[in-house]
Amino acid sequence: MRDPAELLAAADDGDRSAWDELESRFGPRMWAVARACGLSPADAADAVQGTWLRLLQNLRSIRDPAAVGGWLMTTVRREALLLRRHDLPVISSTEAVSELDPAAVVLEADDRHLLWKTVSTLNEPCRTLLQLVANDLGNQQVASRMGMPTGSVGPTKARCLEKLRTLISLQETAQ
């Protein structure tokens, strides 16, 4: 596994595998941050895609390439908040505004981080399949991307989720 600074340099040189590794390493956390900001799956996809675009635009100006993970999380949070701001309804002075509980948002993001960290320990095809399913792709799209029959997606997903449940259960009993 290459370090983030090395990945950024390789990505800047056009190395597709570097982009893939960056996405594999940071993509699930970016999705978790976007969703923790209260975005729908479609808006979360826009926030994550916008963040990747910002990285592409700023590849050479990242001050600390080793800390690109933090940069990505901050950027996706900003993208998400911008999207939320555009979607907020106009509130009259007589209406109450319910705020997201910041502690709950942090705990949910932490839980999602732990979940995706656990998913990343799974072997293939489970790791990729669960990432695709979490991105709200249908069985046909998952099957196409993974090169498997559409009818195999459901049973494979069930087996992968059972493996994930077992790992999470083991982690919870170890704590």
N, C-alpha and C. Protein backbone atom coordinates (compact mmCIF):
# COMPACT_ATOMS: atom_id res chain seq x y z
N MET A 1 0.84 -1.17 0.00
CA MET A 1 0.00 0.00 0.00
C MET A 1 0.89 1.25 0.00
N ARG A 2 0.67 2.10 -0.97
CA ARG A 2 1.49 3.31 -1.10
C ARG A 2 1.01 4.39 -0.14
N ASP A 3 1.95 5.26 0.26
CA ASP A 3 1.54 6.34 1.16
C ASP A 3 0.81 7.41 0.35
N PRO A 4 0.00 8.24 1.02
CA PRO A 4 -0.82 9.22 0.31
C PRO A 4 -0.02 10.18 -0.57
N ALA A 5 1.14 10.63 -0.12
CA ALA A 5 1.94 11.55 -0.92
C ALA A 5 2.37 10.89 -2.23
N GLU A 6 2.75 9.63 -2.13
CA GLU A 6 3.14 8.87 -3.32
C GLU A 6 1.95 8.69 -4.27
N LEU A 7 0.76 8.44 -3.69
CA LEU A 7 -0.44 8.28 -4.50
C LEU A 7 -0.79 9.57 -5.24
N LEU A 8 -0.67 10.70 -4.54
CA LEU A 8 -0.97 11.98 -5.20
C LEU A 8 -0.02 12.25 -6.34
N ALA A 9 1.25 11.97 -6.14
CA ALA A 9 2.24 12.18 -7.21
C ALA A 9 1.93 11.27 -8.40
N ALA A 10 1.60 10.02 -8.12
CA ALA A 10 1.28 9.08 -9.20
C ALA A 10 -0.01 9.50 -9.92
N ALA A 11 -1.00 9.96 -9.15
CA ALA A 11 -2.26 10.41 -9.76
C ALA A 11 -2.00 11.62 -10.66
N ASP A 12 -1.13 12.50 -10.20
CA ASP A 12 -0.78 13.68 -11.00
C ASP A 12 -0.10 13.28 -12.30
N ASP A 13 0.60 12.15 -12.29
CA ASP A 13 1.26 11.64 -13.49
C ASP A 13 0.31 10.83 -14.37
N GLY A 14 -0.97 10.74 -13.96
CA GLY A 14 -1.96 10.04 -14.77
C GLY A 14 -2.11 8.57 -14.45
N ASP A 15 -1.57 8.11 -13.34
CA ASP A 15 -1.65 6.71 -12.95
C ASP A 15 -3.05 6.38 -12.44
N ARG A 16 -3.82 5.65 -13.24
CA ARG A 16 -5.20 5.30 -12.89
C ARG A 16 -5.26 4.45 -11.62
N SER A 17 -4.28 3.58 -11.41
CA SER A 17 -4.29 2.73 -10.22
C SER A 17 -4.13 3.57 -8.95
N ALA A 18 -3.45 4.71 -9.05
CA ALA A 18 -3.31 5.60 -7.90
C ALA A 18 -4.67 6.21 -7.55
N TRP A 19 -5.42 6.62 -8.58
CA TRP A 19 -6.78 7.15 -8.33
C TRP A 19 -7.65 6.07 -7.71
N ASP A 20 -7.54 4.85 -8.24
CA ASP A 20 -8.34 3.75 -7.70
C ASP A 20 -8.01 3.49 -6.24
N GLU A 21 -6.72 3.54 -5.91
CA GLU A 21 -6.32 3.31 -4.53
C GLU A 21 -6.78 4.44 -3.62
N LEU A 22 -6.71 5.67 -4.10
CA LEU A 22 -7.22 6.80 -3.32
C LEU A 22 -8.72 6.62 -3.06
N GLU A 23 -9.45 6.24 -4.10
CA GLU A 23 -10.90 6.06 -3.95
C GLU A 23 -11.21 4.91 -2.99
N SER A 24 -10.47 3.83 -3.12
CA SER A 24 -10.69 2.68 -2.25
C SER A 24 -10.39 3.02 -0.79
N ARG A 25 -9.33 3.78 -0.58
CA ARG A 25 -8.91 4.11 0.78
C ARG A 25 -9.80 5.16 1.43
N PHE A 26 -10.18 6.19 0.67
CA PHE A 26 -10.88 7.32 1.27
C PHE A 26 -12.36 7.44 0.88
N GLY A 27 -12.76 6.78 -0.21
CA GLY A 27 -14.14 6.90 -0.68
C GLY A 27 -15.20 6.55 0.35
N PRO A 28 -15.10 5.40 1.02
CA PRO A 28 -16.14 5.05 1.99
C PRO A 28 -16.28 6.09 3.12
N ARG A 29 -15.17 6.62 3.60
CA ARG A 29 -15.26 7.65 4.65
C ARG A 29 -15.87 8.93 4.10
N MET A 30 -15.55 9.26 2.85
CA MET A 30 -16.14 10.45 2.25
C MET A 30 -17.65 10.31 2.16
N TRP A 31 -18.11 9.12 1.76
CA TRP A 31 -19.56 8.86 1.70
C TRP A 31 -20.17 8.99 3.09
N ALA A 32 -19.49 8.45 4.10
CA ALA A 32 -20.01 8.51 5.47
C ALA A 32 -20.13 9.96 5.93
N VAL A 33 -19.14 10.78 5.63
CA VAL A 33 -19.18 12.18 6.03
C VAL A 33 -20.32 12.90 5.32
N ALA A 34 -20.47 12.67 4.02
CA ALA A 34 -21.54 13.32 3.26
C ALA A 34 -22.91 12.92 3.79
N ARG A 35 -23.08 11.64 4.06
CA ARG A 35 -24.38 11.17 4.57
C ARG A 35 -24.62 11.66 5.99
N ALA A 36 -23.56 11.76 6.80
CA ALA A 36 -23.70 12.27 8.17
C ALA A 36 -24.14 13.73 8.18
N CYS A 37 -23.91 14.42 7.09
CA CYS A 37 -24.36 15.81 6.97
C CYS A 37 -25.83 15.89 6.59
N GLY A 38 -26.48 14.74 6.48
CA GLY A 38 -27.92 14.71 6.21
C GLY A 38 -28.29 14.72 4.74
N LEU A 39 -27.35 14.40 3.87
CA LEU A 39 -27.64 14.39 2.44
C LEU A 39 -28.32 13.11 2.01
N SER A 40 -29.14 13.21 0.98
CA SER A 40 -29.73 12.03 0.35
C SER A 40 -28.60 11.30 -0.38
N PRO A 41 -28.84 10.04 -0.78
CA PRO A 41 -27.80 9.34 -1.54
C PRO A 41 -27.37 10.09 -2.81
N ALA A 42 -28.31 10.69 -3.51
CA ALA A 42 -27.96 11.41 -4.74
C ALA A 42 -27.12 12.65 -4.43
N ASP A 43 -27.51 13.39 -3.39
CA ASP A 43 -26.74 14.57 -3.03
C ASP A 43 -25.37 14.19 -2.47
N ALA A 44 -25.32 13.09 -1.72
CA ALA A 44 -24.03 12.61 -1.20
C ALA A 44 -23.11 12.26 -2.37
N ALA A 45 -23.67 11.64 -3.41
CA ALA A 45 -22.88 11.32 -4.60
C ALA A 45 -22.33 12.59 -5.23
N ASP A 46 -23.14 13.64 -5.28
CA ASP A 46 -22.68 14.92 -5.83
C ASP A 46 -21.56 15.51 -4.99
N ALA A 47 -21.70 15.43 -3.66
CA ALA A 47 -20.67 15.97 -2.76
C ALA A 47 -19.36 15.21 -2.93
N VAL A 48 -19.44 13.89 -3.00
CA VAL A 48 -18.24 13.07 -3.15
C VAL A 48 -17.59 13.33 -4.52
N GLN A 49 -18.42 13.36 -5.55
CA GLN A 49 -17.88 13.62 -6.89
C GLN A 49 -17.24 15.02 -6.95
N GLY A 50 -17.89 16.00 -6.34
CA GLY A 50 -17.34 17.34 -6.31
C GLY A 50 -16.00 17.39 -5.59
N THR A 51 -15.87 16.58 -4.54
CA THR A 51 -14.62 16.53 -3.80
C THR A 51 -13.50 15.94 -4.64
N TRP A 52 -13.80 14.87 -5.37
CA TRP A 52 -12.78 14.29 -6.25
C TRP A 52 -12.36 15.30 -7.32
N LEU A 53 -13.33 16.06 -7.82
CA LEU A 53 -13.01 17.10 -8.80
C LEU A 53 -12.09 18.15 -8.18
N ARG A 54 -12.39 18.57 -6.95
CA ARG A 54 -11.54 19.55 -6.26
C ARG A 54 -10.13 19.00 -6.07
N LEU A 55 -10.02 17.70 -5.75
CA LEU A 55 -8.69 17.12 -5.60
C LEU A 55 -7.95 17.17 -6.93
N LEU A 56 -8.62 16.81 -8.00
CA LEU A 56 -7.99 16.86 -9.32
C LEU A 56 -7.51 18.28 -9.64
N GLN A 57 -8.34 19.28 -9.31
CA GLN A 57 -7.98 20.67 -9.58
C GLN A 57 -6.84 21.15 -8.69
N ASN A 58 -6.67 20.54 -7.52
CA ASN A 58 -5.69 21.02 -6.54
C ASN A 58 -4.54 20.05 -6.27
N LEU A 59 -4.37 19.06 -7.13
CA LEU A 59 -3.34 18.04 -6.90
C LEU A 59 -1.97 18.64 -6.57
N ARG A 60 -1.59 19.65 -7.28
CA ARG A 60 -0.24 20.21 -7.10
C ARG A 60 -0.16 21.23 -5.97
N SER A 61 -1.30 21.64 -5.45
CA SER A 61 -1.26 22.69 -4.42
C SER A 61 -1.59 22.18 -3.02
N ILE A 62 -1.75 20.87 -2.85
CA ILE A 62 -1.99 20.31 -1.52
C ILE A 62 -0.72 20.52 -0.70
N ARG A 63 -0.86 21.25 0.40
CA ARG A 63 0.33 21.60 1.21
C ARG A 63 0.99 20.39 1.84
N ASP A 64 0.17 19.48 2.37
CA ASP A 64 0.71 18.30 3.05
C ASP A 64 0.12 17.05 2.41
N PRO A 65 0.73 16.55 1.34
CA PRO A 65 0.17 15.39 0.64
C PRO A 65 -0.06 14.19 1.55
N ALA A 66 0.74 14.04 2.60
CA ALA A 66 0.56 12.91 3.51
C ALA A 66 -0.76 13.01 4.26
N ALA A 67 -1.32 14.21 4.35
CA ALA A 67 -2.57 14.43 5.08
C ALA A 67 -3.76 14.59 4.12
N VAL A 68 -3.67 14.01 2.94
CA VAL A 68 -4.73 14.16 1.95
C VAL A 68 -6.07 13.60 2.46
N GLY A 69 -6.03 12.62 3.34
CA GLY A 69 -7.27 12.08 3.90
C GLY A 69 -8.05 13.14 4.64
N GLY A 70 -7.38 13.90 5.47
CA GLY A 70 -8.03 14.99 6.19
C GLY A 70 -8.54 16.06 5.24
N TRP A 71 -7.74 16.35 4.21
CA TRP A 71 -8.15 17.33 3.20
C TRP A 71 -9.43 16.87 2.52
N LEU A 72 -9.48 15.59 2.15
CA LEU A 72 -10.67 15.06 1.48
C LEU A 72 -11.90 15.12 2.39
N MET A 73 -11.74 14.77 3.67
CA MET A 73 -12.89 14.78 4.59
C MET A 73 -13.39 16.21 4.81
N THR A 74 -12.47 17.15 4.94
CA THR A 74 -12.88 18.55 5.12
C THR A 74 -13.58 19.05 3.87
N THR A 75 -13.05 18.71 2.72
CA THR A 75 -13.62 19.17 1.46
C THR A 75 -14.99 18.56 1.21
N VAL A 76 -15.15 17.27 1.49
CA VAL A 76 -16.46 16.65 1.27
C VAL A 76 -17.49 17.23 2.25
N ARG A 77 -17.07 17.54 3.47
CA ARG A 77 -17.97 18.17 4.44
C ARG A 77 -18.41 19.54 3.92
N ARG A 78 -17.48 20.30 3.39
CA ARG A 78 -17.83 21.62 2.84
C ARG A 78 -18.76 21.50 1.65
N GLU A 79 -18.47 20.54 0.77
CA GLU A 79 -19.34 20.31 -0.39
C GLU A 79 -20.75 19.93 0.08
N ALA A 80 -20.82 19.06 1.08
CA ALA A 80 -22.11 18.61 1.60
C ALA A 80 -22.88 19.77 2.21
N LEU A 81 -22.19 20.60 2.97
CA LEU A 81 -22.86 21.73 3.60
C LEU A 81 -23.34 22.74 2.57
N LEU A 82 -22.57 22.91 1.50
CA LEU A 82 -23.03 23.79 0.42
C LEU A 82 -24.30 23.24 -0.23
N LEU A 83 -24.33 21.94 -0.46
CA LEU A 83 -25.52 21.32 -1.04
C LEU A 83 -26.72 21.44 -0.10
N ARG A 84 -26.48 21.23 1.18
CA ARG A 84 -27.57 21.36 2.16
C ARG A 84 -28.09 22.79 2.20
N ARG A 85 -27.17 23.74 2.14
CA ARG A 85 -27.57 25.15 2.21
C ARG A 85 -28.48 25.49 1.03
N HIS A 86 -28.20 24.93 -0.15
CA HIS A 86 -29.02 25.19 -1.33
C HIS A 86 -30.39 24.53 -1.22
N ASP A 87 -30.49 23.45 -0.45
CA ASP A 87 -31.74 22.71 -0.33
C ASP A 87 -32.58 23.10 0.88
N LEU A 88 -32.08 24.01 1.73
CA LEU A 88 -32.84 24.38 2.91
C LEU A 88 -34.09 25.14 2.51
N PRO A 89 -35.22 24.81 3.13
CA PRO A 89 -36.45 25.55 2.81
C PRO A 89 -36.41 26.95 3.42
N VAL A 90 -37.18 27.83 2.85
CA VAL A 90 -37.31 29.17 3.42
C VAL A 90 -38.21 29.04 4.64
N ILE A 91 -37.73 29.52 5.78
CA ILE A 91 -38.44 29.38 7.04
C ILE A 91 -38.97 30.74 7.46
N SER A 92 -40.25 30.78 7.77
CA SER A 92 -40.80 32.05 8.28
C SER A 92 -40.40 32.20 9.74
N SER A 93 -40.54 33.39 10.26
CA SER A 93 -40.12 33.65 11.63
C SER A 93 -40.97 32.89 12.65
N THR A 94 -42.13 32.40 12.25
CA THR A 94 -42.99 31.69 13.20
C THR A 94 -42.71 30.19 13.23
N GLU A 95 -41.90 29.69 12.28
CA GLU A 95 -41.60 28.26 12.23
C GLU A 95 -40.36 27.94 13.04
N ALA A 96 -40.36 26.76 13.64
CA ALA A 96 -39.19 26.32 14.39
C ALA A 96 -38.27 25.54 13.47
N VAL A 97 -36.99 25.68 13.66
CA VAL A 97 -36.01 24.96 12.86
C VAL A 97 -35.38 23.90 13.75
N SER A 98 -35.47 22.64 13.31
CA SER A 98 -34.83 21.59 14.10
C SER A 98 -33.41 21.40 13.60
N GLU A 99 -32.48 21.46 14.50
CA GLU A 99 -31.06 21.32 14.16
C GLU A 99 -30.65 19.87 14.33
N LEU A 100 -29.66 19.44 13.57
CA LEU A 100 -29.07 18.14 13.79
C LEU A 100 -28.27 18.20 15.08
N ASP A 101 -28.35 17.17 15.89
CA ASP A 101 -27.58 17.11 17.12
C ASP A 101 -26.12 16.85 16.74
N PRO A 102 -25.21 17.79 17.01
CA PRO A 102 -23.81 17.62 16.60
C PRO A 102 -23.18 16.35 17.18
N ALA A 103 -23.51 16.02 18.43
CA ALA A 103 -22.94 14.82 19.03
C ALA A 103 -23.41 13.57 18.29
N ALA A 104 -24.69 13.55 17.92
CA ALA A 104 -25.22 12.40 17.19
C ALA A 104 -24.56 12.28 15.82
N VAL A 105 -24.32 13.42 15.18
CA VAL A 105 -23.67 13.40 13.86
C VAL A 105 -22.27 12.83 13.98
N VAL A 106 -21.53 13.25 15.00
CA VAL A 106 -20.16 12.76 15.21
C VAL A 106 -20.18 11.27 15.50
N LEU A 107 -21.08 10.83 16.38
CA LEU A 107 -21.16 9.40 16.71
C LEU A 107 -21.54 8.57 15.49
N GLU A 108 -22.48 9.07 14.70
CA GLU A 108 -22.89 8.35 13.50
C GLU A 108 -21.73 8.26 12.51
N ALA A 109 -21.00 9.35 12.35
CA ALA A 109 -19.84 9.34 11.44
C ALA A 109 -18.78 8.36 11.95
N ASP A 110 -18.58 8.32 13.27
CA ASP A 110 -17.60 7.40 13.85
C ASP A 110 -18.05 5.95 13.63
N ASP A 111 -19.34 5.68 13.85
CA ASP A 111 -19.87 4.34 13.60
C ASP A 111 -19.69 3.94 12.15
N ARG A 112 -19.96 4.87 11.24
CA ARG A 112 -19.81 4.57 9.82
C ARG A 112 -18.35 4.33 9.47
N HIS A 113 -17.47 5.11 10.09
CA HIS A 113 -16.04 4.92 9.85
C HIS A 113 -15.63 3.51 10.28
N LEU A 114 -16.07 3.10 11.47
CA LEU A 114 -15.75 1.75 11.95
C LEU A 114 -16.35 0.69 11.04
N LEU A 115 -17.57 0.93 10.59
CA LEU A 115 -18.21 -0.02 9.67
C LEU A 115 -17.38 -0.17 8.41
N TRP A 116 -16.99 0.95 7.78
CA TRP A 116 -16.25 0.87 6.53
C TRP A 116 -14.83 0.36 6.74
N LYS A 117 -14.28 0.61 7.90
CA LYS A 117 -12.97 0.04 8.23
C LYS A 117 -13.09 -1.48 8.28
N THR A 118 -14.19 -1.97 8.85
CA THR A 118 -14.43 -3.41 8.91
C THR A 118 -14.68 -3.97 7.51
N VAL A 119 -15.46 -3.25 6.71
CA VAL A 119 -15.71 -3.69 5.33
C VAL A 119 -14.39 -3.81 4.57
N SER A 120 -13.48 -2.88 4.81
CA SER A 120 -12.20 -2.90 4.08
C SER A 120 -11.35 -4.12 4.44
N THR A 121 -11.66 -4.78 5.56
CA THR A 121 -10.90 -5.98 5.93
C THR A 121 -11.45 -7.24 5.25
N LEU A 122 -12.63 -7.14 4.65
CA LEU A 122 -13.22 -8.29 3.97
C LEU A 122 -12.44 -8.60 2.70
N ASN A 123 -12.45 -9.87 2.31
CA ASN A 123 -11.85 -10.26 1.04
C ASN A 123 -12.79 -9.91 -0.10
N GLU A 124 -12.24 -9.94 -1.29
CA GLU A 124 -13.06 -9.77 -2.49
C GLU A 124 -13.85 -11.05 -2.70
N PRO A 125 -15.02 -11.02 -3.24
CA PRO A 125 -15.72 -9.87 -3.83
C PRO A 125 -16.53 -9.06 -2.82
N CYS A 126 -16.53 -9.49 -1.55
CA CYS A 126 -17.38 -8.84 -0.55
C CYS A 126 -17.09 -7.35 -0.40
N ARG A 127 -15.83 -7.00 -0.32
CA ARG A 127 -15.47 -5.59 -0.10
C ARG A 127 -16.06 -4.70 -1.20
N THR A 128 -15.81 -5.04 -2.43
CA THR A 128 -16.29 -4.22 -3.54
C THR A 128 -17.81 -4.28 -3.65
N LEU A 129 -18.38 -5.46 -3.50
CA LEU A 129 -19.83 -5.60 -3.62
C LEU A 129 -20.55 -4.73 -2.59
N LEU A 130 -20.11 -4.74 -1.35
CA LEU A 130 -20.77 -3.94 -0.32
C LEU A 130 -20.58 -2.44 -0.56
N GLN A 131 -19.44 -2.05 -1.10
CA GLN A 131 -19.25 -0.64 -1.44
C GLN A 131 -20.21 -0.22 -2.55
N LEU A 132 -20.38 -1.06 -3.56
CA LEU A 132 -21.29 -0.74 -4.65
C LEU A 132 -22.73 -0.71 -4.18
N VAL A 133 -23.11 -1.66 -3.36
CA VAL A 133 -24.48 -1.71 -2.84
C VAL A 133 -24.75 -0.47 -1.97
N ALA A 134 -23.77 -0.07 -1.17
CA ALA A 134 -23.93 1.10 -0.31
C ALA A 134 -24.11 2.38 -1.13
N ASN A 135 -23.63 2.37 -2.35
CA ASN A 135 -23.77 3.53 -3.23
C ASN A 135 -25.08 3.49 -4.00
N ASP A 136 -26.01 2.66 -3.53
CA ASP A 136 -27.36 2.56 -4.10
C ASP A 136 -27.38 2.11 -5.56
N LEU A 137 -26.42 1.27 -5.93
CA LEU A 137 -26.45 0.70 -7.28
C LEU A 137 -27.38 -0.50 -7.26
N GLY A 138 -28.13 -0.68 -8.32
CA GLY A 138 -29.02 -1.83 -8.43
C GLY A 138 -28.23 -3.10 -8.74
N ASN A 139 -28.92 -4.23 -8.61
CA ASN A 139 -28.25 -5.52 -8.84
C ASN A 139 -27.65 -5.62 -10.23
N GLN A 140 -28.33 -5.08 -11.24
CA GLN A 140 -27.78 -5.16 -12.60
C GLN A 140 -26.48 -4.37 -12.72
N GLN A 141 -26.45 -3.17 -12.12
CA GLN A 141 -25.24 -2.36 -12.18
C GLN A 141 -24.10 -3.02 -11.40
N VAL A 142 -24.42 -3.58 -10.23
CA VAL A 142 -23.41 -4.27 -9.43
C VAL A 142 -22.86 -5.46 -10.23
N ALA A 143 -23.77 -6.24 -10.79
CA ALA A 143 -23.35 -7.42 -11.57
C ALA A 143 -22.46 -7.01 -12.74
N SER A 144 -22.84 -5.95 -13.43
CA SER A 144 -22.07 -5.48 -14.57
C SER A 144 -20.67 -5.04 -14.15
N ARG A 145 -20.59 -4.26 -13.08
CA ARG A 145 -19.29 -3.75 -12.62
C ARG A 145 -18.40 -4.86 -12.09
N MET A 146 -19.03 -5.91 -11.53
CA MET A 146 -18.23 -6.98 -10.92
C MET A 146 -18.03 -8.16 -11.86
N GLY A 147 -18.69 -8.12 -13.03
CA GLY A 147 -18.54 -9.21 -13.98
C GLY A 147 -19.15 -10.51 -13.48
N MET A 148 -20.32 -10.42 -12.88
CA MET A 148 -20.98 -11.61 -12.35
C MET A 148 -22.43 -11.63 -12.82
N PRO A 149 -23.07 -12.80 -12.82
CA PRO A 149 -24.48 -12.86 -13.22
C PRO A 149 -25.36 -12.06 -12.25
N THR A 150 -26.37 -11.41 -12.79
CA THR A 150 -27.27 -10.61 -11.96
C THR A 150 -27.89 -11.45 -10.84
N GLY A 151 -28.25 -12.68 -11.13
CA GLY A 151 -28.87 -13.55 -10.13
C GLY A 151 -27.94 -13.94 -8.99
N SER A 152 -26.65 -13.72 -9.15
CA SER A 152 -25.70 -14.04 -8.09
C SER A 152 -25.50 -12.91 -7.09
N VAL A 153 -25.94 -11.72 -7.45
CA VAL A 153 -25.69 -10.56 -6.59
C VAL A 153 -26.38 -10.73 -5.23
N GLY A 154 -27.66 -11.08 -5.23
CA GLY A 154 -28.42 -11.21 -3.98
C GLY A 154 -27.80 -12.23 -3.03
N PRO A 155 -27.59 -13.47 -3.48
CA PRO A 155 -26.99 -14.46 -2.58
C PRO A 155 -25.57 -14.09 -2.13
N THR A 156 -24.78 -13.51 -3.03
CA THR A 156 -23.43 -13.10 -2.65
C THR A 156 -23.50 -11.99 -1.62
N LYS A 157 -24.41 -11.04 -1.83
CA LYS A 157 -24.58 -9.94 -0.88
C LYS A 157 -24.98 -10.49 0.49
N ALA A 158 -25.88 -11.46 0.52
CA ALA A 158 -26.32 -12.06 1.79
C ALA A 158 -25.13 -12.70 2.52
N ARG A 159 -24.31 -13.45 1.79
CA ARG A 159 -23.13 -14.07 2.41
C ARG A 159 -22.15 -13.01 2.93
N CYS A 160 -21.96 -11.96 2.14
CA CYS A 160 -21.03 -10.90 2.55
C CYS A 160 -21.55 -10.16 3.79
N LEU A 161 -22.84 -9.90 3.83
CA LEU A 161 -23.41 -9.23 5.00
C LEU A 161 -23.29 -10.10 6.24
N GLU A 162 -23.44 -11.39 6.06
CA GLU A 162 -23.28 -12.31 7.21
C GLU A 162 -21.85 -12.28 7.71
N LYS A 163 -20.89 -12.27 6.79
CA LYS A 163 -19.47 -12.17 7.19
C LYS A 163 -19.24 -10.85 7.94
N LEU A 164 -19.82 -9.77 7.44
CA LEU A 164 -19.67 -8.46 8.07
C LEU A 164 -20.29 -8.47 9.47
N ARG A 165 -21.49 -9.04 9.59
CA ARG A 165 -22.14 -9.15 10.91
C ARG A 165 -21.26 -9.91 11.89
N THR A 166 -20.67 -10.99 11.43
CA THR A 166 -19.80 -11.79 12.30
C THR A 166 -18.61 -10.98 12.76
N LEU A 167 -17.96 -10.27 11.85
CA LEU A 167 -16.80 -9.45 12.21
C LEU A 167 -17.19 -8.36 13.21
N ILE A 168 -18.31 -7.70 12.97
CA ILE A 168 -18.75 -6.64 13.87
C ILE A 168 -19.09 -7.20 15.23
N SER A 169 -19.75 -8.36 15.25
CA SER A 169 -20.09 -9.02 16.51
C SER A 169 -18.82 -9.37 17.30
N LEU A 170 -17.81 -9.88 16.60
CA LEU A 170 -16.54 -10.19 17.26
C LEU A 170 -15.88 -8.94 17.82
N GLN A 171 -15.96 -7.83 17.08
CA GLN A 171 -15.37 -6.58 17.54
C GLN A 171 -16.11 -6.08 18.79
N GLU A 172 -17.43 -6.19 18.77
CA GLU A 172 -18.22 -5.71 19.91
C GLU A 172 -17.96 -6.53 21.17
N THR A 173 -17.79 -7.84 21.02
CA THR A 173 -17.54 -8.67 22.19
C THR A 173 -16.11 -8.49 22.71
N ALA A 174 -15.19 -8.04 21.84
CA ALA A 174 -13.81 -7.81 22.26
C ALA A 174 -13.65 -6.51 23.04
N GLN A 175 -14.64 -5.63 22.92
CA GLN A 175 -14.52 -4.31 23.58
C GLN A 175 -14.96 -4.34 24.99
